[in-house]
PDB file of N, CA and C in Angstrom:
ATOM      1  N   UNK A   1      10.567  -3.329   0.509  1.00  0.00           N
ATOM      2  CA  UNK A   1       9.737  -3.213   1.688  1.00  0.00           C
ATOM      3  C   UNK A   1      10.493  -2.395   2.729  1.00  0.00           C
ATOM      4  N   UNK A   2       9.813  -1.417   3.291  1.00  0.00           N
ATOM      5  CA  UNK A   2      10.386  -0.586   4.355  1.00  0.00           C
ATOM      6  C   UNK A   2       9.503  -0.714   5.581  1.00  0.00           C
ATOM      7  N   UNK A   3      10.122  -0.566   6.730  1.00  0.00           N
ATOM      8  CA  UNK A   3       9.395  -0.657   7.991  1.00  0.00           C
ATOM      9  C   UNK A   3       9.675   0.599   8.814  1.00  0.00           C
ATOM     10  N   UNK A   4       8.605   1.196   9.352  1.00  0.00           N
ATOM     11  CA  UNK A   4       8.711   2.402  10.160  1.00  0.00           C
ATOM     12  C   UNK A   4       7.974   2.178  11.474  1.00  0.00           C
ATOM     13  N   UNK A   5       8.382   2.904  12.495  1.00  0.00           N
ATOM     14  CA  UNK A   5       7.650   2.910  13.758  1.00  0.00           C
ATOM     15  C   UNK A   5       7.110   4.313  13.966  1.00  0.00           C
ATOM     16  N   UNK A   6       5.938   4.383  14.609  1.00  0.00           N
ATOM     17  CA  UNK A   6       5.356   5.682  14.861  1.00  0.00           C
ATOM     18  C   UNK A   6       4.279   5.620  15.921  1.00  0.00           C
ATOM     19  N   UNK A   7       3.740   6.797  16.243  1.00  0.00           N
ATOM     20  CA  UNK A   7       2.680   6.944  17.237  1.00  0.00           C
ATOM     21  C   UNK A   7       1.455   7.523  16.535  1.00  0.00           C
ATOM     22  N   UNK A   8       0.292   6.922  16.775  1.00  0.00           N
ATOM     23  CA  UNK A   8      -0.954   7.402  16.180  1.00  0.00           C
ATOM     24  C   UNK A   8      -1.348   8.703  16.877  1.00  0.00           C
ATOM     25  N   UNK A   9      -1.495   9.765  16.113  1.00  0.00           N
ATOM     26  CA  UNK A   9      -1.874  11.072  16.658  1.00  0.00           C
ATOM     27  C   UNK A   9      -3.353  11.374  16.463  1.00  0.00           C
ATOM     28  N   UNK A  10      -3.976  10.741  15.459  1.00  0.00           N
ATOM     29  CA  UNK A  10      -5.407  10.976  15.202  1.00  0.00           C
ATOM     30  C   UNK A  10      -5.975   9.770  14.466  1.00  0.00           C
ATOM     31  N   UNK A  11      -7.186   9.381  14.862  1.00  0.00           N
ATOM     32  CA  UNK A  11      -7.936   8.351  14.159  1.00  0.00           C
ATOM     33  C   UNK A  11      -9.210   9.030  13.663  1.00  0.00           C
ATOM     34  N   UNK A  12      -9.558   8.841  12.377  1.00  0.00           N
ATOM     35  CA  UNK A  12     -10.724   9.529  11.827  1.00  0.00           C
ATOM     36  C   UNK A  12     -11.413   8.675  10.774  1.00  0.00           C
ATOM     37  N   UNK A  13     -12.652   9.018  10.478  1.00  0.00           N
ATOM     38  CA  UNK A  13     -13.414   8.396   9.396  1.00  0.00           C
ATOM     39  C   UNK A  13     -13.389   9.384   8.226  1.00  0.00           C
ATOM     40  N   UNK A  14     -12.719   9.030   7.127  1.00  0.00           N
ATOM     41  CA  UNK A  14     -12.641   9.963   5.995  1.00  0.00           C
ATOM     42  C   UNK A  14     -13.970  10.029   5.229  1.00  0.00           C
ATOM     43  N   UNK A  15     -14.164  11.118   4.525  1.00  0.00           N
ATOM     44  CA  UNK A  15     -15.354  11.249   3.680  1.00  0.00           C
ATOM     45  C   UNK A  15     -15.305  10.212   2.569  1.00  0.00           C
ATOM     46  N   UNK A  16     -16.446   9.589   2.306  1.00  0.00           N
ATOM     47  CA  UNK A  16     -16.555   8.631   1.208  1.00  0.00           C
ATOM     48  C   UNK A  16     -17.707   9.059   0.309  1.00  0.00           C
ATOM     49  N   UNK A  17     -17.542   8.808  -0.967  1.00  0.00           N
ATOM     50  CA  UNK A  17     -18.543   9.189  -1.953  1.00  0.00           C
ATOM     51  C   UNK A  17     -19.005   7.969  -2.738  1.00  0.00           C
ATOM     52  N   UNK A  18     -20.283   7.948  -3.057  1.00  0.00           N
ATOM     53  CA  UNK A  18     -20.851   6.921  -3.930  1.00  0.00           C
ATOM     54  C   UNK A  18     -21.736   7.650  -4.930  1.00  0.00           C
ATOM     55  N   UNK A  19     -21.481   7.419  -6.221  1.00  0.00           N
ATOM     56  CA  UNK A  19     -22.201   8.132  -7.286  1.00  0.00           C
ATOM     57  C   UNK A  19     -22.102   9.636  -7.102  1.00  0.00           C
ATOM     58  N   UNK A  20     -20.905  10.108  -6.758  1.00  0.00           N
ATOM     59  CA  UNK A  20     -20.624  11.534  -6.539  1.00  0.00           C
ATOM     60  C   UNK A  20     -21.446  12.152  -5.418  1.00  0.00           C
ATOM     61  N   UNK A  21     -21.972  11.334  -4.518  1.00  0.00           N
ATOM     62  CA  UNK A  21     -22.730  11.822  -3.366  1.00  0.00           C
ATOM     63  C   UNK A  21     -22.000  11.404  -2.090  1.00  0.00           C
ATOM     64  N   UNK A  22     -21.860  12.340  -1.164  1.00  0.00           N
ATOM     65  CA  UNK A  22     -21.242  12.037   0.119  1.00  0.00           C
ATOM     66  C   UNK A  22     -22.138  11.064   0.879  1.00  0.00           C
ATOM     67  N   UNK A  23     -21.572   9.919   1.289  1.00  0.00           N
ATOM     68  CA  UNK A  23     -22.410   8.959   2.020  1.00  0.00           C
ATOM     69  C   UNK A  23     -22.357   9.260   3.505  1.00  0.00           C
ATOM     70  N   UNK A  24     -23.393   8.829   4.221  1.00  0.00           N
ATOM     71  CA  UNK A  24     -23.493   9.032   5.657  1.00  0.00           C
ATOM     72  C   UNK A  24     -22.340   8.301   6.350  1.00  0.00           C
ATOM     73  N   UNK A  25     -21.819   8.894   7.393  1.00  0.00           N
ATOM     74  CA  UNK A  25     -20.686   8.311   8.106  1.00  0.00           C
ATOM     75  C   UNK A  25     -21.007   6.925   8.671  1.00  0.00           C
ATOM     76  N   UNK A  26     -22.267   6.644   8.922  1.00  0.00           N
ATOM     77  CA  UNK A  26     -22.662   5.328   9.449  1.00  0.00           C
ATOM     78  C   UNK A  26     -22.420   4.220   8.432  1.00  0.00           C
ATOM     79  N   UNK A  27     -22.337   4.559   7.158  1.00  0.00           N
ATOM     80  CA  UNK A  27     -22.127   3.557   6.101  1.00  0.00           C
ATOM     81  C   UNK A  27     -20.693   3.547   5.582  1.00  0.00           C
ATOM     82  N   UNK A  28     -19.832   4.330   6.214  1.00  0.00           N
ATOM     83  CA  UNK A  28     -18.437   4.416   5.785  1.00  0.00           C
ATOM     84  C   UNK A  28     -17.715   3.089   6.034  1.00  0.00           C
ATOM     85  N   UNK A  29     -16.803   2.742   5.148  1.00  0.00           N
ATOM     86  CA  UNK A  29     -16.059   1.489   5.268  1.00  0.00           C
ATOM     87  C   UNK A  29     -14.563   1.711   5.427  1.00  0.00           C
ATOM     88  N   UNK A  30     -14.145   2.963   5.491  1.00  0.00           N
ATOM     89  CA  UNK A  30     -12.714   3.266   5.597  1.00  0.00           C
ATOM     90  C   UNK A  30     -12.413   3.904   6.946  1.00  0.00           C
ATOM     91  N   UNK A  31     -11.150   3.796   7.351  1.00  0.00           N
ATOM     92  CA  UNK A  31     -10.674   4.413   8.584  1.00  0.00           C
ATOM     93  C   UNK A  31      -9.338   5.075   8.274  1.00  0.00           C
ATOM     94  N   UNK A  32      -9.091   6.216   8.877  1.00  0.00           N
ATOM     95  CA  UNK A  32      -7.857   6.956   8.617  1.00  0.00           C
ATOM     96  C   UNK A  32      -7.039   7.152   9.876  1.00  0.00           C
ATOM     97  N   UNK A  33      -5.729   7.244   9.686  1.00  0.00           N
ATOM     98  CA  UNK A  33      -4.795   7.428  10.793  1.00  0.00           C
ATOM     99  C   UNK A  33      -3.791   8.505  10.415  1.00  0.00           C
ATOM    100  N   UNK A  34      -3.546   9.440  11.327  1.00  0.00           N
ATOM    101  CA  UNK A  34      -2.434  10.375  11.190  1.00  0.00           C
ATOM    102  C   UNK A  34      -1.386   9.888  12.169  1.00  0.00           C
ATOM    103  N   UNK A  35      -0.200   9.595  11.636  1.00  0.00           N
ATOM    104  CA  UNK A  35       0.840   8.956  12.415  1.00  0.00           C
ATOM    105  C   UNK A  35       2.105   9.796  12.374  1.00  0.00           C
ATOM    106  N   UNK A  36       2.694  10.010  13.546  1.00  0.00           N
ATOM    107  CA  UNK A  36       3.978  10.716  13.634  1.00  0.00           C
ATOM    108  C   UNK A  36       5.064   9.651  13.723  1.00  0.00           C
ATOM    109  N   UNK A  37       5.945   9.641  12.725  1.00  0.00           N
ATOM    110  CA  UNK A  37       7.020   8.659  12.661  1.00  0.00           C
ATOM    111  C   UNK A  37       8.165   9.060  13.583  1.00  0.00           C
ATOM    112  N   UNK A  38       9.065   8.113  13.825  1.00  0.00           N
ATOM    113  CA  UNK A  38      10.218   8.368  14.690  1.00  0.00           C
ATOM    114  C   UNK A  38      11.090   9.512  14.192  1.00  0.00           C
ATOM    115  N   UNK A  39      11.122   9.741  12.870  1.00  0.00           N
ATOM    116  CA  UNK A  39      11.946  10.817  12.306  1.00  0.00           C
ATOM    117  C   UNK A  39      11.190  12.150  12.260  1.00  0.00           C
ATOM    118  N   UNK A  40      10.094  12.267  13.022  1.00  0.00           N
ATOM    119  CA  UNK A  40       9.254  13.474  13.137  1.00  0.00           C
ATOM    120  C   UNK A  40       8.441  13.778  11.887  1.00  0.00           C
ATOM    121  N   UNK A  41       8.463  12.904  10.891  1.00  0.00           N
ATOM    122  CA  UNK A  41       7.608  13.053   9.717  1.00  0.00           C
ATOM    123  C   UNK A  41       6.201  12.606  10.096  1.00  0.00           C
ATOM    124  N   UNK A  42       5.177  13.267   9.557  1.00  0.00           N
ATOM    125  CA  UNK A  42       3.792  12.884   9.826  1.00  0.00           C
ATOM    126  C   UNK A  42       3.162  12.374   8.534  1.00  0.00           C
ATOM    127  N   UNK A  43       2.523  11.207   8.606  1.00  0.00           N
ATOM    128  CA  UNK A  43       1.878  10.639   7.424  1.00  0.00           C
ATOM    129  C   UNK A  43       0.417  10.335   7.738  1.00  0.00           C
ATOM    130  N   UNK A  44      -0.395  10.287   6.685  1.00  0.00           N
ATOM    131  CA  UNK A  44      -1.798   9.911   6.798  1.00  0.00           C
ATOM    132  C   UNK A  44      -2.009   8.637   6.003  1.00  0.00           C
ATOM    133  N   UNK A  45      -2.631   7.656   6.644  1.00  0.00           N
ATOM    134  CA  UNK A  45      -2.921   6.374   6.004  1.00  0.00           C
ATOM    135  C   UNK A  45      -4.421   6.135   6.100  1.00  0.00           C
ATOM    136  N   UNK A  46      -5.043   5.815   4.963  1.00  0.00           N
ATOM    137  CA  UNK A  46      -6.469   5.486   4.912  1.00  0.00           C
ATOM    138  C   UNK A  46      -6.590   4.057   4.417  1.00  0.00           C
ATOM    139  N   UNK A  47      -7.294   3.233   5.186  1.00  0.00           N
ATOM    140  CA  UNK A  47      -7.429   1.810   4.896  1.00  0.00           C
ATOM    141  C   UNK A  47      -8.896   1.405   4.985  1.00  0.00           C
ATOM    142  N   UNK A  48      -9.222   0.237   4.403  1.00  0.00           N
ATOM    143  CA  UNK A  48     -10.532  -0.369   4.624  1.00  0.00           C
ATOM    144  C   UNK A  48     -10.570  -0.828   6.080  1.00  0.00           C
ATOM    145  N   UNK A  49     -11.689  -0.578   6.756  1.00  0.00           N
ATOM    146  CA  UNK A  49     -11.802  -1.024   8.140  1.00  0.00           C
ATOM    147  C   UNK A  49     -11.820  -2.538   8.202  1.00  0.00           C
ATOM    148  N   UNK A  50     -11.117  -3.064   9.173  1.00  0.00           N
ATOM    149  CA  UNK A  50     -11.187  -4.497   9.442  1.00  0.00           C
ATOM    150  C   UNK A  50     -11.130  -4.696  10.959  1.00  0.00           C
ATOM    151  N   UNK A  51     -11.186  -5.927  11.363  1.00  0.00           N
ATOM    152  CA  UNK A  51     -11.234  -6.259  12.780  1.00  0.00           C
ATOM    153  C   UNK A  51     -10.009  -5.732  13.525  1.00  0.00           C
ATOM    154  N   UNK A  52      -8.863  -5.785  12.884  1.00  0.00           N
ATOM    155  CA  UNK A  52      -7.635  -5.357  13.554  1.00  0.00           C
ATOM    156  C   UNK A  52      -7.505  -3.835  13.629  1.00  0.00           C
ATOM    157  N   UNK A  53      -7.587  -3.149  12.477  1.00  0.00           N
ATOM    158  CA  UNK A  53      -7.308  -1.710  12.500  1.00  0.00           C
ATOM    159  C   UNK A  53      -8.408  -0.900  13.179  1.00  0.00           C
ATOM    160  N   UNK A  54      -9.588  -1.473  13.363  1.00  0.00           N
ATOM    161  CA  UNK A  54     -10.646  -0.772  14.099  1.00  0.00           C
ATOM    162  C   UNK A  54     -10.304  -0.668  15.589  1.00  0.00           C
ATOM    163  N   UNK A  55      -9.340  -1.449  16.053  1.00  0.00           N
ATOM    164  CA  UNK A  55      -8.934  -1.425  17.458  1.00  0.00           C
ATOM    165  C   UNK A  55      -7.685  -0.588  17.708  1.00  0.00           C
ATOM    166  N   UNK A  56      -7.154   0.065  16.681  1.00  0.00           N
ATOM    167  CA  UNK A  56      -5.999   0.948  16.854  1.00  0.00           C
ATOM    168  C   UNK A  56      -6.519   2.298  17.340  1.00  0.00           C
ATOM    169  N   UNK A  57      -5.943   2.786  18.432  1.00  0.00           N
ATOM    170  CA  UNK A  57      -6.413   4.011  19.077  1.00  0.00           C
ATOM    171  C   UNK A  57      -5.340   5.099  19.061  1.00  0.00           C
ATOM    172  N   UNK A  58      -5.773   6.312  19.365  1.00  0.00           N
ATOM    173  CA  UNK A  58      -4.852   7.436  19.482  1.00  0.00           C
ATOM    174  C   UNK A  58      -3.797   7.092  20.535  1.00  0.00           C
ATOM    175  N   UNK A  59      -2.561   7.507  20.278  1.00  0.00           N
ATOM    176  CA  UNK A  59      -1.399   7.305  21.139  1.00  0.00           C
ATOM    177  C   UNK A  59      -0.882   5.869  21.146  1.00  0.00           C
ATOM    178  N   UNK A  60      -1.433   4.982  20.320  1.00  0.00           N
ATOM    179  CA  UNK A  60      -0.885   3.636  20.189  1.00  0.00           C
ATOM    180  C   UNK A  60       0.404   3.693  19.372  1.00  0.00           C
ATOM    181  N   UNK A  61       1.357   2.839  19.729  1.00  0.00           N
ATOM    182  CA  UNK A  61       2.571   2.708  18.933  1.00  0.00           C
ATOM    183  C   UNK A  61       2.306   1.662  17.850  1.00  0.00           C
ATOM    184  N   UNK A  62       2.637   1.998  16.608  1.00  0.00           N
ATOM    185  CA  UNK A  62       2.375   1.096  15.490  1.00  0.00           C
ATOM    186  C   UNK A  62       3.635   0.917  14.650  1.00  0.00           C
ATOM    187  N   UNK A  63       3.658  -0.192  13.930  1.00  0.00           N
ATOM    188  CA  UNK A  63       4.691  -0.448  12.937  1.00  0.00           C
ATOM    189  C   UNK A  63       4.027  -0.357  11.576  1.00  0.00           C
ATOM    190  N   UNK A  64       4.609   0.416  10.676  1.00  0.00           N
ATOM    191  CA  UNK A  64       4.057   0.608   9.336  1.00  0.00           C
ATOM    192  C   UNK A  64       4.971  -0.109   8.349  1.00  0.00           C
ATOM    193  N   UNK A  65       4.379  -0.967   7.528  1.00  0.00           N
ATOM    194  CA  UNK A  65       5.113  -1.660   6.483  1.00  0.00           C
ATOM    195  C   UNK A  65       4.726  -1.009   5.151  1.00  0.00           C
ATOM    196  N   UNK A  66       5.724  -0.486   4.438  1.00  0.00           N
ATOM    197  CA  UNK A  66       5.496   0.148   3.143  1.00  0.00           C
ATOM    198  C   UNK A  66       5.997  -0.796   2.057  1.00  0.00           C
ATOM    199  N   UNK A  67       5.124  -1.123   1.107  1.00  0.00           N
ATOM    200  CA  UNK A  67       5.490  -1.978  -0.010  1.00  0.00           C
ATOM    201  C   UNK A  67       5.054  -1.316  -1.308  1.00  0.00           C
ATOM    202  N   UNK A  68       5.689  -1.716  -2.400  1.00  0.00           N
ATOM    203  CA  UNK A  68       5.299  -1.240  -3.723  1.00  0.00           C
ATOM    204  C   UNK A  68       4.592  -2.392  -4.433  1.00  0.00           C
ATOM    205  N   UNK A  69       3.308  -2.154  -4.782  1.00  0.00           N
ATOM    206  CA  UNK A  69       2.511  -3.149  -5.496  1.00  0.00           C
ATOM    207  C   UNK A  69       2.015  -2.501  -6.779  1.00  0.00           C
ATOM    208  N   UNK A  70       2.380  -3.074  -7.916  1.00  0.00           N
ATOM    209  CA  UNK A  70       1.989  -2.538  -9.229  1.00  0.00           C
ATOM    210  C   UNK A  70       2.368  -1.071  -9.384  1.00  0.00           C
ATOM    211  N   UNK A  71       3.516  -0.681  -8.849  1.00  0.00           N
ATOM    212  CA  UNK A  71       3.986   0.680  -8.985  1.00  0.00           C
ATOM    213  C   UNK A  71       3.385   1.665  -7.986  1.00  0.00           C
ATOM    214  N   UNK A  72       2.505   1.193  -7.106  1.00  0.00           N
ATOM    215  CA  UNK A  72       1.878   2.069  -6.086  1.00  0.00           C
ATOM    216  C   UNK A  72       2.341   1.653  -4.696  1.00  0.00           C
ATOM    217  N   UNK A  73       2.451   2.632  -3.817  1.00  0.00           N
ATOM    218  CA  UNK A  73       2.816   2.347  -2.432  1.00  0.00           C
ATOM    219  C   UNK A  73       1.583   1.853  -1.679  1.00  0.00           C
ATOM    220  N   UNK A  74       1.767   0.807  -0.884  1.00  0.00           N
ATOM    221  CA  UNK A  74       0.713   0.323   0.006  1.00  0.00           C
ATOM    222  C   UNK A  74       1.284   0.297   1.412  1.00  0.00           C
ATOM    223  N   UNK A  75       0.408   0.487   2.394  1.00  0.00           N
ATOM    224  CA  UNK A  75       0.831   0.544   3.790  1.00  0.00           C
ATOM    225  C   UNK A  75      -0.017  -0.416   4.602  1.00  0.00           C
ATOM    226  N   UNK A  76       0.634  -1.099   5.533  1.00  0.00           N
ATOM    227  CA  UNK A  76      -0.053  -1.942   6.493  1.00  0.00           C
ATOM    228  C   UNK A  76       0.364  -1.502   7.875  1.00  0.00           C
ATOM    229  N   UNK A  77      -0.566  -1.544   8.814  1.00  0.00           N
ATOM    230  CA  UNK A  77      -0.295  -1.158  10.201  1.00  0.00           C
ATOM    231  C   UNK A  77      -0.300  -2.387  11.080  1.00  0.00           C
ATOM    232  N   UNK A  78       0.652  -2.449  12.002  1.00  0.00           N
ATOM    233  CA  UNK A  78       0.706  -3.544  12.971  1.00  0.00           C
ATOM    234  C   UNK A  78       0.998  -3.002  14.341  1.00  0.00           C
TER     235      UNK A  78
END
């Protein structure tokens, strides 16, 4: 498990597809964040929207927890 600190530079709704068709943004269930880390690296994280991450705004300071689950990296924002 690794922990990083960063600043949210952009919040966006990523494109989602169902049956190979782009769904309307009103039905989207994911939210994306472009975050600039303390080491000047920029990362993009896309998560399922929930009560907490829907309240994260541009210029908010966040803590990112990186874990490996089943060989894949997962990220949580706090």
